[in-house]
C-alpha atoms as a PDB file:
ATOM      1  CA  MET A   1     152.366  58.785  68.817  1.00  0.00           C
ATOM      2  CA  SER A   2     152.904  62.327  66.425  1.00  0.00           C
ATOM      3  CA  ASP A   3     154.248  61.086  63.439  1.00  0.00           C
ATOM      4  CA  SER A   4     151.821  59.166  62.094  1.00  0.00           C
ATOM      5  CA  ILE A   5     149.335  61.531  63.391  1.00  0.00           C
ATOM      6  CA  GLU A   6     151.369  64.112  61.385  1.00  0.00           C
ATOM      7  CA  THR A   7     151.546  61.322  58.158  1.00  0.00           C
ATOM      8  CA  LEU A   8     148.069  60.448  58.319  1.00  0.00           C
ATOM      9  CA  ILE A   9     147.170  64.596  58.095  1.00  0.00           C
ATOM     10  CA  LYS A  10     150.319  64.785  55.331  1.00  0.00           C
ATOM     11  CA  ARG A  11     147.977  61.649  53.525  1.00  0.00           C
ATOM     12  CA  ILE A  12     144.575  63.346  54.003  1.00  0.00           C
ATOM     13  CA  GLU A  13     146.204  66.839  52.766  1.00  0.00           C
ATOM     14  CA  GLU A  14     147.385  64.872  49.705  1.00  0.00           C
ATOM     15  CA  LEU A  15     143.806  63.004  49.032  1.00  0.00           C
ATOM     16  CA  GLU A  16     141.904  66.750  49.240  1.00  0.00           C
ATOM     17  CA  SER A  17     144.678  68.229  46.949  1.00  0.00           C
ATOM     18  CA  GLN A  18     143.969  64.823  44.371  1.00  0.00           C
ATOM     19  CA  ALA A  19     140.463  65.199  44.364  1.00  0.00           C
ATOM     20  CA  ALA A  20     140.095  69.146  44.151  1.00  0.00           C
ATOM     21  CA  PHE A  21     142.315  68.444  40.917  1.00  0.00           C
ATOM     22  CA  GLN A  22     139.569  65.768  39.718  1.00  0.00           C
ATOM     23  CA  ASP A  23     136.931  68.264  40.465  1.00  0.00           C
ATOM     24  CA  GLU A  24     138.776  70.865  38.371  1.00  0.00           C
ATOM     25  CA  LEU A  25     139.800  68.359  35.250  1.00  0.00           C
ATOM     26  CA  PHE A  26     136.061  66.579  35.811  1.00  0.00           C
ATOM     27  CA  GLU A  27     134.420  70.615  34.918  1.00  0.00           C
ATOM     28  CA  SER A  28     137.414  70.884  32.071  1.00  0.00           C
ATOM     29  CA  LEU A  29     136.402  67.946  30.195  1.00  0.00           C
ATOM     30  CA  ASN A  30     133.059  68.388  31.219  1.00  0.00           C
ATOM     31  CA  ALA A  31     132.917  71.841  29.219  1.00  0.00           C
ATOM     32  CA  THR A  32     135.251  70.593  25.895  1.00  0.00           C
ATOM     33  CA  VAL A  33     132.182  68.092  25.640  1.00  0.00           C
ATOM     34  CA  ALA A  34     129.373  70.374  25.918  1.00  0.00           C
ATOM     35  CA  LYS A  35     131.205  72.785  23.173  1.00  0.00           C
ATOM     36  CA  GLN A  36     132.223  69.405  20.846  1.00  0.00           C
ATOM     37  CA  ASP A  37     128.460  68.299  21.086  1.00  0.00           C
ATOM     38  CA  GLY A  38     127.256  71.876  19.982  1.00  0.00           C
ATOM     39  CA  GLU A  39     129.996  71.282  16.737  1.00  0.00           C
ATOM     40  CA  ILE A  40     128.507  68.350  15.963  1.00  0.00           C
ATOM     41  CA  VAL A  41     125.070  69.659  15.778  1.00  0.00           C
ATOM     42  CA  GLU A  42     126.343  71.992  13.541  1.00  0.00           C
ATOM     43  CA  LEU A  43     127.829  69.948  11.324  1.00  0.00           C
ATOM     44  CA  ARG A  44     125.336  67.997  11.150  1.00  0.00           C
ATOM     45  CA  ARG A  45     123.090  71.039  10.226  1.00  0.00           C
ATOM     46  CA  GLN A  46     125.426  71.713   7.321  1.00  0.00           C
ATOM     47  CA  PHE A  47     125.425  68.400   6.043  1.00  0.00           C
ATOM     48  CA  ILE A  48     122.329  68.477   5.888  1.00  0.00           C
ATOM     49  CA  VAL A  49     122.632  71.311   3.379  1.00  0.00           C
ATOM     50  CA  LEU A  50     125.121  71.175   2.006  1.00  0.00           C
ATOM     51  CA  ASN A  51     123.224  67.146   1.219  1.00  0.00           C
ATOM     52  CA  GLU A  52     120.268  68.922   0.100  1.00  0.00           C
ATOM     53  CA  ARG A  53     122.601  71.236  -2.614  1.00  0.00           C
ATOM     54  CA  VAL A  54     124.273  68.061  -4.070  1.00  0.00           C
ATOM     55  CA  LYS A  55     121.113  66.517  -5.004  1.00  0.00           C
ATOM     56  CA  ASP A  56     119.785  69.906  -6.337  1.00  0.00           C
ATOM     57  CA  PHE A  57     123.056  70.031  -8.698  1.00  0.00           C
ATOM     58  CA  GLU A  58     122.333  66.290  -9.473  1.00  0.00           C
ATOM     59  CA  GLY A  59     119.215  67.422 -11.463  1.00  0.00           C
ATOM     60  CA  VAL A  60     120.652  70.083 -13.031  1.00  0.00           C
ATOM     61  CA  VAL A  61     123.943  69.035 -14.435  1.00  0.00           C
ATOM     62  CA  PRO A  62     124.270  66.560 -17.279  1.00  0.00           C
ATOM     63  CA  GLY A  63     125.316  63.220 -15.996  1.00  0.00           C
ATOM     64  CA  GLY A  64     125.233  64.476 -12.343  1.00  0.00           C
ATOM     65  CA  GLY A  65     123.579  62.029 -10.757  1.00  0.00           C
ATOM     66  CA  PRO A  66     125.340  58.511 -10.127  1.00  0.00           C
ATOM     67  CA  GLN A  67     122.825  56.580 -12.264  1.00  0.00           C
ATOM     68  CA  ASP A  68     124.589  58.102 -15.154  1.00  0.00           C
ATOM     69  CA  GLU A  69     127.546  56.607 -14.780  1.00  0.00           C
ATOM     70  CA  THR A  70     129.223  54.220 -17.300  1.00  0.00           C
ATOM     71  CA  PRO A  71     131.127  51.315 -14.808  1.00  0.00           C
ATOM     72  CA  PRO A  72     134.912  52.035 -15.788  1.00  0.00           C
ATOM     73  CA  HIS A  73     135.363  48.635 -17.616  1.00  0.00           C
ATOM     74  CA  TYR A  74     133.181  49.568 -20.781  1.00  0.00           C
END
């Protein structure tokens, strides 16, 4: 009977170890996702700024707008 109890104890300890590892992994992944979310927000902000700058140049540079481009077949 003690063999079965020892086996159960070992299995429980292994499960506890796996649960602890999964908790650490979950926290690590959560931190990574939070960091990436901040990076995405910053990249979106930069994209908006760059997009506005491109629009500003379209009015200044002759032929800068897409409406002024001639199709390649002409």
